Amino acid sequence: ISKGPGNSKSAKSTVVPPGPPVYLDLVYIPNHSNSKNVDVEFFKRVRSSYYVVSGNNSAAEEPSRAVLDSLLEGKTQWESNMQVTLIPTHDSEVMREWYQETHEKQQDLNIMVLASSSTVVMQDESFPACKIEL
């Protein structure tokens, strides 16, 4: 697996190259929040008001506890304590445990986890959803 920057479609890494931070409103954490692709450097550089945490596969470690911990560690490097909202797409055991075990640190870093009880119904299926206003 290539760890360096590049535009090759065969590269399977999303390692963030060196440089200044990038500020965004909304970021989908790549590859179902798997730790093979996202680390502390990602969160040091890719700074967002909202991060979507996808993944509901504990066997594949998605979402990864390491990625969630990387958010906490990366955000400690930010110059400002801007509010960050984490939006999980699934109610996973990993997310619940991380939330409970790191709740105090989340508050110190101004990180909020958005729990949603909304449901979207389309034809014969329904799925959880949340509304984001930027």
Protein backbone atom coordinates (compact mmCIF):
# COMPACT_ATOMS: atom_id res chain seq x y z
CA ILE A 1 0.00 0.00 0.00
CA SER A 2 1.34 3.36 -0.98
CA LYS A 3 1.69 5.76 1.95
CA GLY A 4 2.78 8.78 -0.06
CA PRO A 5 0.73 11.39 -1.89
CA GLY A 6 -0.28 10.63 -5.43
CA ASN A 7 -3.06 10.75 -7.96
CA SER A 8 -2.88 7.09 -8.93
CA LYS A 9 -6.20 5.32 -8.79
CA SER A 10 -4.43 2.16 -7.66
CA ALA A 11 -3.25 3.80 -4.43
CA LYS A 12 -5.32 2.47 -1.55
CA SER A 13 -4.24 5.02 1.03
CA THR A 14 -5.81 8.35 1.88
CA VAL A 15 -2.84 9.53 3.92
CA VAL A 16 -2.88 13.30 4.07
CA PRO A 17 0.28 14.90 2.60
CA PRO A 18 2.17 17.55 4.61
CA GLY A 19 0.91 21.11 4.44
CA PRO A 20 -1.34 23.67 6.12
CA PRO A 21 -4.73 22.70 7.56
CA VAL A 22 -7.79 22.64 5.31
CA TYR A 23 -11.07 23.93 6.78
CA LEU A 24 -14.36 22.44 5.59
CA ASP A 25 -17.97 22.51 6.71
CA LEU A 26 -18.73 18.81 6.30
CA VAL A 27 -16.40 15.81 5.91
CA TYR A 28 -17.28 12.18 5.31
CA ILE A 29 -14.54 10.16 7.03
CA PRO A 30 -13.15 7.95 4.24
CA ASN A 31 -13.52 4.18 3.88
CA HIS A 32 -16.23 3.63 6.50
CA SER A 33 -13.98 5.17 9.19
CA ASN A 34 -11.43 2.36 8.90
CA SER A 35 -8.08 2.99 10.62
CA LYS A 36 -6.12 1.72 7.61
CA ASN A 37 -6.96 4.98 5.85
CA VAL A 38 -7.47 7.62 8.54
CA ASP A 39 -5.08 8.62 11.31
CA VAL A 40 -4.25 11.53 13.62
CA GLU A 41 -2.62 13.45 10.75
CA PHE A 42 -5.95 13.40 8.88
CA PHE A 43 -7.68 15.21 11.76
CA LYS A 44 -4.77 17.60 12.31
CA ARG A 45 -5.06 18.73 8.70
CA VAL A 46 -8.69 18.17 7.65
CA ARG A 47 -10.62 20.38 10.06
CA SER A 48 -14.37 20.38 9.83
CA SER A 49 -17.41 21.54 11.73
CA TYR A 50 -19.10 18.20 10.96
CA TYR A 51 -17.65 14.72 10.44
CA VAL A 52 -19.83 11.86 9.20
CA VAL A 53 -18.78 8.53 10.73
CA SER A 54 -20.03 5.66 8.63
CA GLY A 55 -19.60 1.97 9.17
CA ASN A 56 -21.51 -0.78 10.89
CA ASN A 57 -19.19 -3.77 10.53
CA SER A 58 -17.44 -4.76 13.75
CA ALA A 59 -15.58 -7.63 12.04
CA ALA A 60 -13.90 -5.13 9.68
CA GLU A 61 -13.45 -2.63 12.55
CA GLU A 62 -15.70 -0.08 10.89
CA PRO A 63 -16.02 2.37 12.45
CA SER A 64 -12.63 2.03 14.07
CA ARG A 65 -12.02 3.01 17.68
CA ALA A 66 -8.55 4.14 16.55
CA VAL A 67 -10.13 6.63 14.10
CA LEU A 68 -12.40 8.04 16.81
CA ASP A 69 -9.42 8.37 19.17
CA SER A 70 -7.45 10.01 16.34
CA LEU A 71 -10.12 12.71 16.13
CA LEU A 72 -9.61 13.50 19.81
CA GLU A 73 -5.83 13.57 19.49
CA GLY A 74 -5.84 15.52 16.22
CA LYS A 75 -8.23 18.16 17.53
CA THR A 76 -5.89 18.90 20.45
CA GLN A 77 -3.53 20.36 17.80
CA TRP A 78 -6.08 22.89 16.52
CA GLU A 79 -5.39 26.52 17.46
CA SER A 80 -9.07 27.22 18.14
CA ASN A 81 -11.61 25.23 20.08
CA MET A 82 -14.30 25.45 17.41
CA GLN A 83 -17.27 23.15 17.90
CA VAL A 84 -17.15 19.86 16.03
CA THR A 85 -20.18 17.66 15.54
CA LEU A 86 -19.73 13.96 14.91
CA ILE A 87 -22.57 12.33 12.96
CA PRO A 88 -22.62 8.52 13.16
CA THR A 89 -24.62 6.82 10.42
CA HIS A 90 -25.23 3.72 12.55
CA ASP A 91 -25.67 2.93 16.21
CA SER A 92 -22.64 0.71 16.75
CA GLU A 93 -21.19 -0.78 19.92
CA VAL A 94 -17.81 0.82 19.12
CA MET A 95 -19.41 4.27 18.88
CA ARG A 96 -21.37 3.81 22.11
CA GLU A 97 -18.33 2.61 24.08
CA TRP A 98 -16.12 5.39 22.70
CA TYR A 99 -18.78 7.98 23.50
CA GLN A 100 -19.13 6.82 27.11
CA GLU A 101 -15.41 6.32 27.77
CA THR A 102 -14.27 9.63 26.28
CA HIS A 103 -17.24 11.86 27.05
CA GLU A 104 -15.29 14.21 29.32
CA LYS A 105 -12.52 14.68 26.75
CA GLN A 106 -15.15 15.29 24.06
CA GLN A 107 -16.61 18.08 26.17
CA ASP A 108 -13.14 19.59 26.80
CA LEU A 109 -12.47 19.60 23.04
CA ASN A 110 -15.94 20.96 22.17
CA ILE A 111 -16.97 17.80 20.31
CA MET A 112 -20.62 16.83 20.19
CA VAL A 113 -21.94 13.49 18.99
CA LEU A 114 -25.24 13.89 17.20
CA ALA A 115 -27.73 11.18 17.93
CA SER A 116 -30.71 11.13 15.66
CA SER A 117 -34.08 9.55 16.12
CA SER A 118 -35.34 10.59 12.69
CA THR A 119 -36.28 7.98 10.14
CA VAL A 120 -36.63 8.37 6.38
CA VAL A 121 -39.16 6.10 4.69
CA MET A 122 -38.81 5.45 0.96
CA GLN A 123 -41.01 2.94 -0.78
CA ASP A 124 -40.65 -0.31 1.18
CA GLU A 125 -37.59 0.56 3.27
CA SER A 126 -36.73 2.93 6.07
CA PHE A 127 -33.42 4.07 7.49
CA PRO A 128 -32.14 6.46 10.17
CA ALA A 129 -31.31 10.00 9.16
CA CYS A 130 -30.43 13.38 10.56
CA LYS A 131 -30.87 16.91 9.30
CA ILE A 132 -27.85 19.18 9.06
CA GLU A 133 -28.17 22.92 8.62
CA LEU A 134 -24.99 24.73 7.63
